[in-house]
Amino acid sequence: ALELLDFKNALKQFQKLVEKMVTQKTKERLGLYIKDDDEIDYDKFYTTTQTLFGAEVKDHNIKTFFRKISNNLDARTEWCEIFGYFIGESDAMSSQMKEENMVFLVSEKQQITHAVVKRQDVIKGIAKVPHLDFTITSSQKGVLTIFNNQRKSFFSYPFYFHQDTAWITGCDFLPQLKCVVAVTERTVIVWDYKSKGSQNNCFVIKPMENGLLCVCTVTMSDHLAKDNILMGDDKGYVHLLTVTSDHFGLKQCKGKKESQLQVLDSKTFNIVKRKLHDDWVVKIKYISDLNCFGSCSSDSIHSFVLDDIKRLEDNLPVKEFSVPKGVNAFTYCGKAKVIVTGG
């Protein structure tokens, strides 16, 4: 009973602190506030909250609560937010949607480290695989990693080039072959991540004529043993590479115990190549809802291309859009049925 009484008293003190802070911030915005010793800044708010509730409250939740009040004095707040439990989206969200400038607050974040990745290395590609519930990352210097839904790596394969200084520029997942694909400036890497222990089956397809900058997989379910890979390069070309299980002999390799690294000649593969842009192809993506692919470039004339894969294969004219100063990124929202580009 004593503890409950103390807690209720602490809540009253905390409510007074919040009210005082809101009053102060309101006067500040009206230009009526005169600073004095009772001014509540973040340090004072943090110290007072810690004194009232002790170690039960976490630093990032206090910071989030303080930011929420500072950014929107009319926002509805509850004392439980200071402990990391947040209110529903109904009223609070509707009032926030009316704000001219939306502020998105993140209460906590987690850093994922990898023993193989050096400090000088950076992540160049991230691909989500929803149906298998994991995420693939590729680092610039050659580490391919798969993270599970708990965000802890359970597969990793450091792929280092022996006499090749080319950097990895992107990655994706091949749904039919169930392999990871990554591209470098001059090669295509296909990694059979399912191999156990020290057995890592990795295939390198080279040479590629131009520097590859981005990659994506065409997700079509009509071919059980074939995957199509789209790639963009530094000369404005879009490449469509078709791969099958026969190219890699995955079934035969699974019986071997030693790690496999095989170099395959790109001439033995079916590759369609079309020049769609006059500058670097900075992003390429297959939009399964539209059964189309999209590619973009900083080229102002041929900034954004969106069309069927079949038209790319048959060398037919594709739909293109001109955007001043080009397009650096794009995405599709199925719910709103819109494509958004960023230049």
Foldseek 3Di string as FASTA:
>chain_A
DVVVVLLVVLVVVLVVVLVVQLVQLVCVVVVNDDDDPPDDDLVNQVVSNCVSPNPQFDPLLSVQVVVVCNVPVPADDDPCSRNVDDDDCPPRVVVQVPDPDHDDDDSDDDDADDPVDDPVKAWQEKEADVVQQWIWIAIFQAKIFIAHNVRHTDFIDRDHDDPDRWTWHYKYAFVQQRWIWTFTQAWIKTWNRPADDQATAMEIEDGDDGTWHYKYWADDDPDNFKTWMWTWGFQQKIKIWMDGCVQRVVVVSNVDDHYHYYYDYNVVTDMQMDRQARGTFNYKYQDVVVQWIKTADQGQQQGIWIDHVVCSVVVHDTDGDGHPRHFNDWDADPVVGDIDTDD
